[in-house]
């Protein structure tokens, strides 16, 4: 039987509490992993590892959190190009790009990594 949205959220929350040392009431669907929960780049590896373990899934490198964005076709002057944005949307259907699209500054990309994005991703993997 597939896991409910709430069951997935609760397990993701537990994972983030353990990985980031935050209180469980801080982990809301809208919480940003970096701005609200204090995750740093090294924490993303730990989060991936813990999600794999908690849900019994395999998360290929770059699938949950993108990497290799140095291609000039995708990034110019510190911003994602339309081609870069299209590529990310294809690679990350679990992410909400609405705010990021308004100003696709690569330095602000981590702000779109929210708890709900993790829940959406995990739901596709356990379905």
PDB file of N, CA and C in Angstrom:
ATOM      1  N   UNK A   1       0.843  -1.182   0.000  1.00  0.00           N
ATOM      2  CA  UNK A   1       0.000   0.000   0.000  1.00  0.00           C
ATOM      3  C   UNK A   1       0.895   1.256   0.000  1.00  0.00           C
ATOM      4  N   UNK A   2       0.621   2.197  -0.899  1.00  0.00           N
ATOM      5  CA  UNK A   2       1.454   3.410  -0.953  1.00  0.00           C
ATOM      6  C   UNK A   2       1.340   4.226   0.331  1.00  0.00           C
ATOM      7  N   UNK A   3       2.403   4.929   0.626  1.00  0.00           N
ATOM      8  CA  UNK A   3       2.417   5.790   1.812  1.00  0.00           C
ATOM      9  C   UNK A   3       1.562   7.018   1.541  1.00  0.00           C
ATOM     10  N   UNK A   4       0.881   7.498   2.570  1.00  0.00           N
ATOM     11  CA  UNK A   4       0.096   8.726   2.439  1.00  0.00           C
ATOM     12  C   UNK A   4       1.035   9.925   2.450  1.00  0.00           C
ATOM     13  N   UNK A   5       0.520  11.056   1.975  1.00  0.00           N
ATOM     14  CA  UNK A   5       1.306  12.290   1.996  1.00  0.00           C
ATOM     15  C   UNK A   5       1.793  12.591   3.407  1.00  0.00           C
ATOM     16  N   UNK A   6       0.908  12.406   4.377  1.00  0.00           N
ATOM     17  CA  UNK A   6       1.258  12.708   5.760  1.00  0.00           C
ATOM     18  C   UNK A   6       2.349  11.766   6.278  1.00  0.00           C
ATOM     19  N   UNK A   7       2.266  10.480   5.919  1.00  0.00           N
ATOM     20  CA  UNK A   7       3.289   9.526   6.350  1.00  0.00           C
ATOM     21  C   UNK A   7       4.654   9.896   5.766  1.00  0.00           C
ATOM     22  N   UNK A   8       4.664  10.278   4.494  1.00  0.00           N
ATOM     23  CA  UNK A   8       5.923  10.687   3.863  1.00  0.00           C
ATOM     24  C   UNK A   8       6.446  11.941   4.541  1.00  0.00           C
ATOM     25  N   UNK A   9       5.581  12.919   4.758  1.00  0.00           N
ATOM     26  CA  UNK A   9       6.000  14.167   5.406  1.00  0.00           C
ATOM     27  C   UNK A   9       6.600  13.893   6.784  1.00  0.00           C
ATOM     28  N   UNK A  10       5.944  13.054   7.588  1.00  0.00           N
ATOM     29  CA  UNK A  10       6.425  12.771   8.941  1.00  0.00           C
ATOM     30  C   UNK A  10       7.810  12.126   8.923  1.00  0.00           C
ATOM     31  N   UNK A  11       8.040  11.218   7.970  1.00  0.00           N
ATOM     32  CA  UNK A  11       9.353  10.575   7.870  1.00  0.00           C
ATOM     33  C   UNK A  11      10.411  11.557   7.377  1.00  0.00           C
ATOM     34  N   UNK A  12      10.040  12.416   6.441  1.00  0.00           N
ATOM     35  CA  UNK A  12      10.976  13.445   5.970  1.00  0.00           C
ATOM     36  C   UNK A  12      11.297  14.385   7.124  1.00  0.00           C
ATOM     37  N   UNK A  13      10.287  14.768   7.882  1.00  0.00           N
ATOM     38  CA  UNK A  13      10.502  15.651   9.035  1.00  0.00           C
ATOM     39  C   UNK A  13      11.472  15.024  10.026  1.00  0.00           C
ATOM     40  N   UNK A  14      11.249  13.775  10.349  1.00  0.00           N
ATOM     41  CA  UNK A  14      12.126  13.055  11.282  1.00  0.00           C
ATOM     42  C   UNK A  14      13.571  13.033  10.749  1.00  0.00           C
ATOM     43  N   UNK A  15      13.711  12.808   9.453  1.00  0.00           N
ATOM     44  CA  UNK A  15      15.034  12.785   8.819  1.00  0.00           C
ATOM     45  C   UNK A  15      15.727  14.137   8.953  1.00  0.00           C
ATOM     46  N   UNK A  16      14.988  15.217   8.707  1.00  0.00           N
ATOM     47  CA  UNK A  16      15.571  16.555   8.783  1.00  0.00           C
ATOM     48  C   UNK A  16      15.907  16.952  10.215  1.00  0.00           C
ATOM     49  N   UNK A  17      15.084  16.557  11.158  1.00  0.00           N
ATOM     50  CA  UNK A  17      15.371  16.832  12.568  1.00  0.00           C
ATOM     51  C   UNK A  17      16.693  16.177  12.959  1.00  0.00           C
ATOM     52  N   UNK A  18      16.875  14.927  12.534  1.00  0.00           N
ATOM     53  CA  UNK A  18      18.115  14.209  12.849  1.00  0.00           C
ATOM     54  C   UNK A  18      19.318  14.804  12.117  1.00  0.00           C
ATOM     55  N   UNK A  19      19.153  15.093  10.839  1.00  0.00           N
ATOM     56  CA  UNK A  19      20.278  15.567  10.016  1.00  0.00           C
ATOM     57  C   UNK A  19      20.707  16.986  10.376  1.00  0.00           C
ATOM     58  N   UNK A  20      19.745  17.848  10.687  1.00  0.00           N
ATOM     59  CA  UNK A  20      20.048  19.265  10.888  1.00  0.00           C
ATOM     60  C   UNK A  20      20.000  19.713  12.341  1.00  0.00           C
ATOM     61  N   UNK A  21      19.533  18.840  13.223  1.00  0.00           N
ATOM     62  CA  UNK A  21      19.469  19.202  14.636  1.00  0.00           C
ATOM     63  C   UNK A  21      18.481  20.321  14.923  1.00  0.00           C
ATOM     64  N   UNK A  22      17.373  20.337  14.185  1.00  0.00           N
ATOM     65  CA  UNK A  22      16.340  21.355  14.399  1.00  0.00           C
ATOM     66  C   UNK A  22      15.182  20.740  15.177  1.00  0.00           C
ATOM     67  N   UNK A  23      14.336  21.597  15.728  1.00  0.00           N
ATOM     68  CA  UNK A  23      13.135  21.124  16.419  1.00  0.00           C
ATOM     69  C   UNK A  23      12.104  20.709  15.375  1.00  0.00           C
ATOM     70  N   UNK A  24      11.312  19.690  15.710  1.00  0.00           N
ATOM     71  CA  UNK A  24      10.360  19.208  14.712  1.00  0.00           C
ATOM     72  C   UNK A  24       9.294  20.232  14.346  1.00  0.00           C
ATOM     73  N   UNK A  25       8.998  21.186  15.235  1.00  0.00           N
ATOM     74  CA  UNK A  25       8.007  22.203  14.880  1.00  0.00           C
ATOM     75  C   UNK A  25       8.547  23.216  13.867  1.00  0.00           C
ATOM     76  N   UNK A  26       9.867  23.230  13.650  1.00  0.00           N
ATOM     77  CA  UNK A  26      10.459  24.104  12.640  1.00  0.00           C
ATOM     78  C   UNK A  26      10.302  23.521  11.237  1.00  0.00           C
ATOM     79  N   UNK A  27      10.107  22.219  11.165  1.00  0.00           N
ATOM     80  CA  UNK A  27      10.019  21.536   9.875  1.00  0.00           C
ATOM     81  C   UNK A  27       8.574  21.553   9.393  1.00  0.00           C
ATOM     82  N   UNK A  28       8.277  22.536   8.573  1.00  0.00           N
ATOM     83  CA  UNK A  28       6.958  22.670   7.961  1.00  0.00           C
ATOM     84  C   UNK A  28       7.118  22.481   6.456  1.00  0.00           C
ATOM     85  N   UNK A  29       6.043  22.200   5.732  1.00  0.00           N
ATOM     86  CA  UNK A  29       6.175  22.023   4.278  1.00  0.00           C
ATOM     87  C   UNK A  29       6.818  23.228   3.579  1.00  0.00           C
ATOM     88  N   UNK A  30       6.560  24.428   4.077  1.00  0.00           N
ATOM     89  CA  UNK A  30       7.054  25.645   3.429  1.00  0.00           C
ATOM     90  C   UNK A  30       8.471  26.017   3.857  1.00  0.00           C
ATOM     91  N   UNK A  31       9.024  25.352   4.855  1.00  0.00           N
ATOM     92  CA  UNK A  31      10.346  25.705   5.377  1.00  0.00           C
ATOM     93  C   UNK A  31      11.433  25.461   4.329  1.00  0.00           C
ATOM     94  N   UNK A  32      12.289  26.460   4.152  1.00  0.00           N
ATOM     95  CA  UNK A  32      13.447  26.350   3.266  1.00  0.00           C
ATOM     96  C   UNK A  32      14.535  25.582   4.013  1.00  0.00           C
ATOM     97  N   UNK A  33      15.163  24.644   3.324  1.00  0.00           N
ATOM     98  CA  UNK A  33      16.217  23.860   3.969  1.00  0.00           C
ATOM     99  C   UNK A  33      17.370  24.746   4.415  1.00  0.00           C
ATOM    100  N   UNK A  34      17.695  25.761   3.626  1.00  0.00           N
ATOM    101  CA  UNK A  34      18.837  26.611   3.959  1.00  0.00           C
ATOM    102  C   UNK A  34      18.441  27.792   4.842  1.00  0.00           C
ATOM    103  N   UNK A  35      17.486  28.588   4.387  1.00  0.00           N
ATOM    104  CA  UNK A  35      17.139  29.822   5.106  1.00  0.00           C
ATOM    105  C   UNK A  35      16.467  29.543   6.451  1.00  0.00           C
ATOM    106  N   UNK A  36      15.556  28.582   6.489  1.00  0.00           N
ATOM    107  CA  UNK A  36      14.796  28.334   7.716  1.00  0.00           C
ATOM    108  C   UNK A  36      15.405  27.255   8.618  1.00  0.00           C
ATOM    109  N   UNK A  37      16.004  26.241   7.991  1.00  0.00           N
ATOM    110  CA  UNK A  37      16.504  25.106   8.780  1.00  0.00           C
ATOM    111  C   UNK A  37      18.029  25.086   8.896  1.00  0.00           C
ATOM    112  N   UNK A  38      18.698  26.022   8.247  1.00  0.00           N
ATOM    113  CA  UNK A  38      20.134  26.176   8.403  1.00  0.00           C
ATOM    114  C   UNK A  38      21.002  25.151   7.698  1.00  0.00           C
ATOM    115  N   UNK A  39      20.456  24.444   6.710  1.00  0.00           N
ATOM    116  CA  UNK A  39      21.255  23.456   5.994  1.00  0.00           C
ATOM    117  C   UNK A  39      22.358  24.140   5.187  1.00  0.00           C
ATOM    118  N   UNK A  40      23.508  23.497   5.167  1.00  0.00           N
ATOM    119  CA  UNK A  40      24.636  23.958   4.357  1.00  0.00           C
ATOM    120  C   UNK A  40      24.889  22.889   3.300  1.00  0.00           C
ATOM    121  N   UNK A  41      25.734  23.197   2.345  1.00  0.00           N
ATOM    122  CA  UNK A  41      25.941  22.270   1.229  1.00  0.00           C
ATOM    123  C   UNK A  41      26.329  20.867   1.691  1.00  0.00           C
ATOM    124  N   UNK A  42      27.151  20.747   2.701  1.00  0.00           N
ATOM    125  CA  UNK A  42      27.551  19.435   3.191  1.00  0.00           C
ATOM    126  C   UNK A  42      26.358  18.664   3.769  1.00  0.00           C
ATOM    127  N   UNK A  43      25.378  19.390   4.294  1.00  0.00           N
ATOM    128  CA  UNK A  43      24.189  18.750   4.860  1.00  0.00           C
ATOM    129  C   UNK A  43      23.347  18.053   3.799  1.00  0.00           C
ATOM    130  N   UNK A  44      23.407  18.538   2.555  1.00  0.00           N
ATOM    131  CA  UNK A  44      22.596  17.935   1.502  1.00  0.00           C
ATOM    132  C   UNK A  44      22.997  16.480   1.266  1.00  0.00           C
ATOM    133  N   UNK A  45      24.279  16.171   1.372  1.00  0.00           N
ATOM    134  CA  UNK A  45      24.732  14.778   1.234  1.00  0.00           C
ATOM    135  C   UNK A  45      24.167  13.912   2.357  1.00  0.00           C
ATOM    136  N   UNK A  46      24.194  14.441   3.565  1.00  0.00           N
ATOM    137  CA  UNK A  46      23.666  13.716   4.714  1.00  0.00           C
ATOM    138  C   UNK A  46      22.157  13.501   4.563  1.00  0.00           C
ATOM    139  N   UNK A  47      21.460  14.519   4.098  1.00  0.00           N
ATOM    140  CA  UNK A  47      20.008  14.406   3.906  1.00  0.00           C
ATOM    141  C   UNK A  47      19.699  13.324   2.886  1.00  0.00           C
ATOM    142  N   UNK A  48      20.427  13.314   1.769  1.00  0.00           N
ATOM    143  CA  UNK A  48      20.215  12.289   0.738  1.00  0.00           C
ATOM    144  C   UNK A  48      20.443  10.901   1.332  1.00  0.00           C
ATOM    145  N   UNK A  49      21.547  10.730   2.047  1.00  0.00           N
ATOM    146  CA  UNK A  49      21.859   9.435   2.660  1.00  0.00           C
ATOM    147  C   UNK A  49      20.742   9.001   3.615  1.00  0.00           C
ATOM    148  N   UNK A  50      20.312   9.912   4.454  1.00  0.00           N
ATOM    149  CA  UNK A  50      19.276   9.578   5.442  1.00  0.00           C
ATOM    150  C   UNK A  50      17.928   9.273   4.786  1.00  0.00           C
ATOM    151  N   UNK A  51      17.585   9.999   3.720  1.00  0.00           N
ATOM    152  CA  UNK A  51      16.333   9.720   3.007  1.00  0.00           C
ATOM    153  C   UNK A  51      16.392   8.342   2.353  1.00  0.00           C
ATOM    154  N   UNK A  52      17.530   8.010   1.768  1.00  0.00           N
ATOM    155  CA  UNK A  52      17.684   6.685   1.157  1.00  0.00           C
ATOM    156  C   UNK A  52      17.454   5.597   2.201  1.00  0.00           C
ATOM    157  N   UNK A  53      18.050   5.785   3.353  1.00  0.00           N
ATOM    158  CA  UNK A  53      17.942   4.795   4.431  1.00  0.00           C
ATOM    159  C   UNK A  53      16.511   4.731   4.986  1.00  0.00           C
ATOM    160  N   UNK A  54      15.915   5.890   5.233  1.00  0.00           N
ATOM    161  CA  UNK A  54      14.580   5.932   5.844  1.00  0.00           C
ATOM    162  C   UNK A  54      13.500   5.338   4.939  1.00  0.00           C
ATOM    163  N   UNK A  55      13.653   5.539   3.634  1.00  0.00           N
ATOM    164  CA  UNK A  55      12.605   5.100   2.708  1.00  0.00           C
ATOM    165  C   UNK A  55      12.999   3.889   1.877  1.00  0.00           C
ATOM    166  N   UNK A  56      14.232   3.400   2.031  1.00  0.00           N
ATOM    167  CA  UNK A  56      14.671   2.250   1.245  1.00  0.00           C
ATOM    168  C   UNK A  56      14.701   2.547  -0.246  1.00  0.00           C
ATOM    169  N   UNK A  57      15.177   3.746  -0.596  1.00  0.00           N
ATOM    170  CA  UNK A  57      15.232   4.165  -1.998  1.00  0.00           C
ATOM    171  C   UNK A  57      16.674   4.496  -2.377  1.00  0.00           C
ATOM    172  N   UNK A  58      16.924   4.597  -3.663  1.00  0.00           N
ATOM    173  CA  UNK A  58      18.227   5.040  -4.161  1.00  0.00           C
ATOM    174  C   UNK A  58      18.014   6.398  -4.828  1.00  0.00           C
ATOM    175  N   UNK A  59      18.833   7.374  -4.450  1.00  0.00           N
ATOM    176  CA  UNK A  59      18.738   8.720  -5.004  1.00  0.00           C
ATOM    177  C   UNK A  59      20.000   8.971  -5.824  1.00  0.00           C
ATOM    178  N   UNK A  60      19.890   8.908  -7.157  1.00  0.00           N
ATOM    179  CA  UNK A  60      21.065   9.146  -7.990  1.00  0.00           C
ATOM    180  C   UNK A  60      21.628  10.550  -7.791  1.00  0.00           C
ATOM    181  N   UNK A  61      22.939  10.656  -7.898  1.00  0.00           N
ATOM    182  CA  UNK A  61      23.615  11.944  -7.721  1.00  0.00           C
ATOM    183  C   UNK A  61      23.034  12.980  -8.681  1.00  0.00           C
ATOM    184  N   UNK A  62      22.707  14.139  -8.153  1.00  0.00           N
ATOM    185  CA  UNK A  62      22.211  15.238  -8.967  1.00  0.00           C
ATOM    186  C   UNK A  62      20.724  15.190  -9.252  1.00  0.00           C
ATOM    187  N   UNK A  63      20.041  14.127  -8.843  1.00  0.00           N
ATOM    188  CA  UNK A  63      18.612  14.023  -9.144  1.00  0.00           C
ATOM    189  C   UNK A  63      17.747  14.843  -8.189  1.00  0.00           C
ATOM    190  N   UNK A  64      18.065  14.797  -6.917  1.00  0.00           N
ATOM    191  CA  UNK A  64      17.287  15.555  -5.933  1.00  0.00           C
ATOM    192  C   UNK A  64      17.774  16.996  -5.857  1.00  0.00           C
ATOM    193  N   UNK A  65      19.062  17.158  -5.749  1.00  0.00           N
ATOM    194  CA  UNK A  65      19.684  18.483  -5.728  1.00  0.00           C
ATOM    195  C   UNK A  65      20.596  18.565  -6.949  1.00  0.00           C
ATOM    196  N   UNK A  66      20.368  19.489  -7.850  1.00  0.00           N
ATOM    197  CA  UNK A  66      21.132  19.528  -9.100  1.00  0.00           C
ATOM    198  C   UNK A  66      22.610  19.842  -8.888  1.00  0.00           C
ATOM    199  N   UNK A  67      23.404  19.320  -9.796  1.00  0.00           N
ATOM    200  CA  UNK A  67      24.825  19.630  -9.788  1.00  0.00           C
ATOM    201  C   UNK A  67      25.254  19.895 -11.233  1.00  0.00           C
ATOM    202  N   UNK A  68      26.511  20.199 -11.422  1.00  0.00           N
ATOM    203  CA  UNK A  68      27.067  20.452 -12.750  1.00  0.00           C
ATOM    204  C   UNK A  68      26.307  21.529 -13.525  1.00  0.00           C
ATOM    205  N   UNK A  69      26.124  22.671 -12.893  1.00  0.00           N
ATOM    206  CA  UNK A  69      25.450  23.780 -13.567  1.00  0.00           C
ATOM    207  C   UNK A  69      26.454  24.779 -14.147  1.00  0.00           C
ATOM    208  N   UNK A  70      27.658  24.325 -14.403  1.00  0.00           N
ATOM    209  CA  UNK A  70      28.691  25.218 -14.912  1.00  0.00           C
ATOM    210  C   UNK A  70      28.634  25.410 -16.421  1.00  0.00           C
ATOM    211  N   UNK A  71      27.761  24.712 -17.093  1.00  0.00           N
ATOM    212  CA  UNK A  71      27.640  24.797 -18.543  1.00  0.00           C
ATOM    213  C   UNK A  71      27.154  26.191 -18.960  1.00  0.00           C
ATOM    214  N   UNK A  72      27.895  26.897 -19.823  1.00  0.00           N
ATOM    215  CA  UNK A  72      27.484  28.253 -20.236  1.00  0.00           C
ATOM    216  C   UNK A  72      26.146  28.280 -20.974  1.00  0.00           C
ATOM    217  N   UNK A  73      25.708  27.132 -21.466  1.00  0.00           N
ATOM    218  CA  UNK A  73      24.389  27.077 -22.099  1.00  0.00           C
ATOM    219  C   UNK A  73      23.297  27.249 -21.047  1.00  0.00           C
ATOM    220  N   UNK A  74      23.590  26.850 -19.801  1.00  0.00           N
ATOM    221  CA  UNK A  74      22.604  26.866 -18.727  1.00  0.00           C
ATOM    222  C   UNK A  74      22.732  28.059 -17.786  1.00  0.00           C
ATOM    223  N   UNK A  75      23.933  28.581 -17.627  1.00  0.00           N
ATOM    224  CA  UNK A  75      24.152  29.698 -16.704  1.00  0.00           C
ATOM    225  C   UNK A  75      24.991  30.763 -17.392  1.00  0.00           C
ATOM    226  N   UNK A  76      24.490  31.996 -17.351  1.00  0.00           N
ATOM    227  CA  UNK A  76      25.237  33.137 -17.886  1.00  0.00           C
ATOM    228  C   UNK A  76      25.064  34.307 -16.935  1.00  0.00           C
ATOM    229  N   UNK A  77      26.167  34.971 -16.634  1.00  0.00           N
ATOM    230  CA  UNK A  77      26.147  36.128 -15.729  1.00  0.00           C
ATOM    231  C   UNK A  77      25.477  35.814 -14.393  1.00  0.00           C
ATOM    232  N   UNK A  78      25.690  34.596 -13.898  1.00  0.00           N
ATOM    233  CA  UNK A  78      25.157  34.214 -12.598  1.00  0.00           C
ATOM    234  C   UNK A  78      23.678  33.890 -12.567  1.00  0.00           C
ATOM    235  N   UNK A  79      23.052  33.822 -13.752  1.00  0.00           N
ATOM    236  CA  UNK A  79      21.619  33.512 -13.811  1.00  0.00           C
ATOM    237  C   UNK A  79      21.393  32.323 -14.732  1.00  0.00           C
ATOM    238  N   UNK A  80      20.366  31.562 -14.419  1.00  0.00           N
ATOM    239  CA  UNK A  80      19.994  30.463 -15.302  1.00  0.00           C
ATOM    240  C   UNK A  80      19.429  31.037 -16.588  1.00  0.00           C
ATOM    241  N   UNK A  81      19.829  30.466 -17.693  1.00  0.00           N
ATOM    242  CA  UNK A  81      19.274  30.854 -18.986  1.00  0.00           C
ATOM    243  C   UNK A  81      17.924  30.151 -19.155  1.00  0.00           C
ATOM    244  N   UNK A  82      17.123  30.537 -20.149  1.00  0.00           N
ATOM    245  CA  UNK A  82      15.887  29.786 -20.405  1.00  0.00           C
ATOM    246  C   UNK A  82      16.156  28.295 -20.637  1.00  0.00           C
ATOM    247  N   UNK A  83      17.259  27.971 -21.313  1.00  0.00           N
ATOM    248  CA  UNK A  83      17.610  26.559 -21.524  1.00  0.00           C
ATOM    249  C   UNK A  83      17.951  25.884 -20.196  1.00  0.00           C
ATOM    250  N   UNK A  84      18.643  26.604 -19.336  1.00  0.00           N
ATOM    251  CA  UNK A  84      18.985  26.064 -18.027  1.00  0.00           C
ATOM    252  C   UNK A  84      17.762  25.818 -17.167  1.00  0.00           C
ATOM    253  N   UNK A  85      16.843  26.768 -17.203  1.00  0.00           N
ATOM    254  CA  UNK A  85      15.604  26.623 -16.440  1.00  0.00           C
ATOM    255  C   UNK A  85      14.789  25.440 -16.960  1.00  0.00           C
ATOM    256  N   UNK A  86      14.714  25.303 -18.276  1.00  0.00           N
ATOM    257  CA  UNK A  86      13.969  24.187 -18.877  1.00  0.00           C
ATOM    258  C   UNK A  86      14.596  22.849 -18.484  1.00  0.00           C
ATOM    259  N   UNK A  87      15.931  22.785 -18.500  1.00  0.00           N
ATOM    260  CA  UNK A  87      16.632  21.564 -18.128  1.00  0.00           C
ATOM    261  C   UNK A  87      16.351  21.214 -16.663  1.00  0.00           C
ATOM    262  N   UNK A  88      16.409  22.221 -15.794  1.00  0.00           N
ATOM    263  CA  UNK A  88      16.151  21.963 -14.372  1.00  0.00           C
ATOM    264  C   UNK A  88      14.722  21.504 -14.134  1.00  0.00           C
ATOM    265  N   UNK A  89      13.779  22.123 -14.796  1.00  0.00           N
ATOM    266  CA  UNK A  89      12.377  21.721 -14.632  1.00  0.00           C
ATOM    267  C   UNK A  89      12.178  20.267 -15.061  1.00  0.00           C
ATOM    268  N   UNK A  90      12.883  19.879 -16.110  1.00  0.00           N
ATOM    269  CA  UNK A  90      12.782  18.499 -16.580  1.00  0.00           C
ATOM    270  C   UNK A  90      13.423  17.544 -15.578  1.00  0.00           C
ATOM    271  N   UNK A  91      14.593  17.921 -15.053  1.00  0.00           N
ATOM    272  CA  UNK A  91      15.311  17.074 -14.099  1.00  0.00           C
ATOM    273  C   UNK A  91      14.677  17.077 -12.713  1.00  0.00           C
ATOM    274  N   UNK A  92      13.942  18.149 -12.389  1.00  0.00           N
ATOM    275  CA  UNK A  92      13.399  18.296 -11.038  1.00  0.00           C
ATOM    276  C   UNK A  92      11.887  18.576 -11.051  1.00  0.00           C
ATOM    277  N   UNK A  93      11.087  17.631 -11.546  1.00  0.00           N
ATOM    278  CA  UNK A  93       9.637  17.870 -11.588  1.00  0.00           C
ATOM    279  C   UNK A  93       9.017  17.996 -10.187  1.00  0.00           C
ATOM    280  N   UNK A  94       9.757  17.603  -9.164  1.00  0.00           N
ATOM    281  CA  UNK A  94       9.297  17.657  -7.782  1.00  0.00           C
ATOM    282  C   UNK A  94       9.443  19.047  -7.162  1.00  0.00           C
ATOM    283  N   UNK A  95      10.136  19.963  -7.855  1.00  0.00           N
ATOM    284  CA  UNK A  95      10.410  21.296  -7.307  1.00  0.00           C
ATOM    285  C   UNK A  95       9.397  22.326  -7.808  1.00  0.00           C
ATOM    286  N   UNK A  96       9.184  23.347  -7.000  1.00  0.00           N
ATOM    287  CA  UNK A  96       8.304  24.469  -7.348  1.00  0.00           C
ATOM    288  C   UNK A  96       9.202  25.626  -7.794  1.00  0.00           C
ATOM    289  N   UNK A  97       9.120  25.958  -9.053  1.00  0.00           N
ATOM    290  CA  UNK A  97       9.993  26.976  -9.630  1.00  0.00           C
ATOM    291  C   UNK A  97       9.350  28.360  -9.693  1.00  0.00           C
ATOM    292  N   UNK A  98       8.131  28.525  -9.237  1.00  0.00           N
ATOM    293  CA  UNK A  98       7.404  29.786  -9.436  1.00  0.00           C
ATOM    294  C   UNK A  98       8.159  31.008  -8.926  1.00  0.00           C
ATOM    295  N   UNK A  99       8.676  30.976  -7.730  1.00  0.00           N
ATOM    296  CA  UNK A  99       9.404  32.135  -7.195  1.00  0.00           C
ATOM    297  C   UNK A  99      10.763  32.289  -7.858  1.00  0.00           C
ATOM    298  N   UNK A 100      11.450  31.184  -8.042  1.00  0.00           N
ATOM    299  CA  UNK A 100      12.791  31.227  -8.609  1.00  0.00           C
ATOM    300  C   UNK A 100      12.794  31.773 -10.040  1.00  0.00           C
ATOM    301  N   UNK A 101      11.750  31.460 -10.799  1.00  0.00           N
ATOM    302  CA  UNK A 101      11.663  31.932 -12.188  1.00  0.00           C
ATOM    303  C   UNK A 101      11.661  33.456 -12.285  1.00  0.00           C
ATOM    304  N   UNK A 102      11.136  34.118 -11.272  1.00  0.00           N
ATOM    305  CA  UNK A 102      11.079  35.581 -11.294  1.00  0.00           C
ATOM    306  C   UNK A 102      12.472  36.197 -11.307  1.00  0.00           C
ATOM    307  N   UNK A 103      13.418  35.555 -10.632  1.00  0.00           N
ATOM    308  CA  UNK A 103      14.810  36.007 -10.607  1.00  0.00           C
ATOM    309  C   UNK A 103      15.688  34.758 -10.508  1.00  0.00           C
ATOM    310  N   UNK A 104      16.025  34.163 -11.658  1.00  0.00           N
ATOM    311  CA  UNK A 104      16.757  32.890 -11.642  1.00  0.00           C
ATOM    312  C   UNK A 104      18.252  33.032 -11.343  1.00  0.00           C
ATOM    313  N   UNK A 105      18.555  33.814 -10.311  1.00  0.00           N
ATOM    314  CA  UNK A 105      19.930  33.999  -9.865  1.00  0.00           C
ATOM    315  C   UNK A 105      20.405  32.698  -9.225  1.00  0.00           C
ATOM    316  N   UNK A 106      21.488  32.164  -9.748  1.00  0.00           N
ATOM    317  CA  UNK A 106      21.981  30.867  -9.297  1.00  0.00           C
ATOM    318  C   UNK A 106      22.295  30.863  -7.800  1.00  0.00           C
ATOM    319  N   UNK A 107      22.679  32.004  -7.259  1.00  0.00           N
ATOM    320  CA  UNK A 107      22.995  32.076  -5.828  1.00  0.00           C
ATOM    321  C   UNK A 107      21.743  31.954  -4.960  1.00  0.00           C
ATOM    322  N   UNK A 108      20.571  32.135  -5.546  1.00  0.00           N
ATOM    323  CA  UNK A 108      19.314  32.026  -4.796  1.00  0.00           C
ATOM    324  C   UNK A 108      18.634  30.680  -4.995  1.00  0.00           C
ATOM    325  N   UNK A 109      19.263  29.815  -5.742  1.00  0.00           N
ATOM    326  CA  UNK A 109      18.644  28.538  -6.077  1.00  0.00           C
ATOM    327  C   UNK A 109      18.324  27.693  -4.849  1.00  0.00           C
ATOM    328  N   UNK A 110      19.186  27.726  -3.853  1.00  0.00           N
ATOM    329  CA  UNK A 110      18.964  26.912  -2.654  1.00  0.00           C
ATOM    330  C   UNK A 110      17.676  27.292  -1.931  1.00  0.00           C
ATOM    331  N   UNK A 111      17.199  28.520  -2.137  1.00  0.00           N
ATOM    332  CA  UNK A 111      15.971  28.960  -1.474  1.00  0.00           C
ATOM    333  C   UNK A 111      14.753  28.159  -1.929  1.00  0.00           C
ATOM    334  N   UNK A 112      14.833  27.557  -3.108  1.00  0.00           N
ATOM    335  CA  UNK A 112      13.659  26.797  -3.561  1.00  0.00           C
ATOM    336  C   UNK A 112      13.648  25.372  -3.018  1.00  0.00           C
ATOM    337  N   UNK A 113      14.730  24.982  -2.320  1.00  0.00           N
ATOM    338  CA  UNK A 113      14.758  23.659  -1.714  1.00  0.00           C
ATOM    339  C   UNK A 113      13.996  23.705  -0.401  1.00  0.00           C
ATOM    340  N   UNK A 114      12.749  23.347  -0.480  1.00  0.00           N
ATOM    341  CA  UNK A 114      11.860  23.385   0.679  1.00  0.00           C
ATOM    342  C   UNK A 114      11.504  21.954   1.108  1.00  0.00           C
ATOM    343  N   UNK A 115      10.982  21.839   2.307  1.00  0.00           N
ATOM    344  CA  UNK A 115      10.598  20.530   2.829  1.00  0.00           C
ATOM    345  C   UNK A 115       9.598  19.859   1.885  1.00  0.00           C
ATOM    346  N   UNK A 116       8.634  20.619   1.376  1.00  0.00           N
ATOM    347  CA  UNK A 116       7.628  20.025   0.480  1.00  0.00           C
ATOM    348  C   UNK A 116       8.272  19.454  -0.776  1.00  0.00           C
ATOM    349  N   UNK A 117       9.357  20.059  -1.244  1.00  0.00           N
ATOM    350  CA  UNK A 117      10.061  19.524  -2.406  1.00  0.00           C
ATOM    351  C   UNK A 117      10.583  18.127  -2.107  1.00  0.00           C
ATOM    352  N   UNK A 118      11.128  17.931  -0.903  1.00  0.00           N
ATOM    353  CA  UNK A 118      11.615  16.604  -0.513  1.00  0.00           C
ATOM    354  C   UNK A 118      10.465  15.606  -0.450  1.00  0.00           C
ATOM    355  N   UNK A 119       9.351  16.037   0.113  1.00  0.00           N
ATOM    356  CA  UNK A 119       8.172  15.161   0.219  1.00  0.00           C
ATOM    357  C   UNK A 119       7.708  14.760  -1.188  1.00  0.00           C
ATOM    358  N   UNK A 120       7.605  15.734  -2.098  1.00  0.00           N
ATOM    359  CA  UNK A 120       7.180  15.459  -3.471  1.00  0.00           C
ATOM    360  C   UNK A 120       8.121  14.446  -4.137  1.00  0.00           C
ATOM    361  N   UNK A 121       9.424  14.671  -3.954  1.00  0.00           N
ATOM    362  CA  UNK A 121      10.415  13.783  -4.549  1.00  0.00           C
ATOM    363  C   UNK A 121      10.269  12.359  -4.009  1.00  0.00           C
ATOM    364  N   UNK A 122      10.233  12.231  -2.695  1.00  0.00           N
ATOM    365  CA  UNK A 122      10.161  10.905  -2.076  1.00  0.00           C
ATOM    366  C   UNK A 122       8.885  10.189  -2.509  1.00  0.00           C
ATOM    367  N   UNK A 123       7.775  10.903  -2.606  1.00  0.00           N
ATOM    368  CA  UNK A 123       6.513  10.286  -3.040  1.00  0.00           C
ATOM    369  C   UNK A 123       6.670   9.643  -4.414  1.00  0.00           C
ATOM    370  N   UNK A 124       7.417  10.287  -5.325  1.00  0.00           N
ATOM    371  CA  UNK A 124       7.604   9.701  -6.651  1.00  0.00           C
ATOM    372  C   UNK A 124       8.483   8.447  -6.579  1.00  0.00           C
ATOM    373  N   UNK A 125       9.402   8.401  -5.635  1.00  0.00           N
ATOM    374  CA  UNK A 125      10.312   7.270  -5.516  1.00  0.00           C
ATOM    375  C   UNK A 125       9.660   6.051  -4.844  1.00  0.00           C
ATOM    376  N   UNK A 126       8.748   6.297  -3.905  1.00  0.00           N
ATOM    377  CA  UNK A 126       8.145   5.169  -3.177  1.00  0.00           C
ATOM    378  C   UNK A 126       6.851   4.702  -3.815  1.00  0.00           C
ATOM    379  N   UNK A 127       6.365   5.439  -4.810  1.00  0.00           N
ATOM    380  CA  UNK A 127       5.093   5.068  -5.469  1.00  0.00           C
ATOM    381  C   UNK A 127       5.262   3.801  -6.294  1.00  0.00           C
TER     382      UNK A 127
END
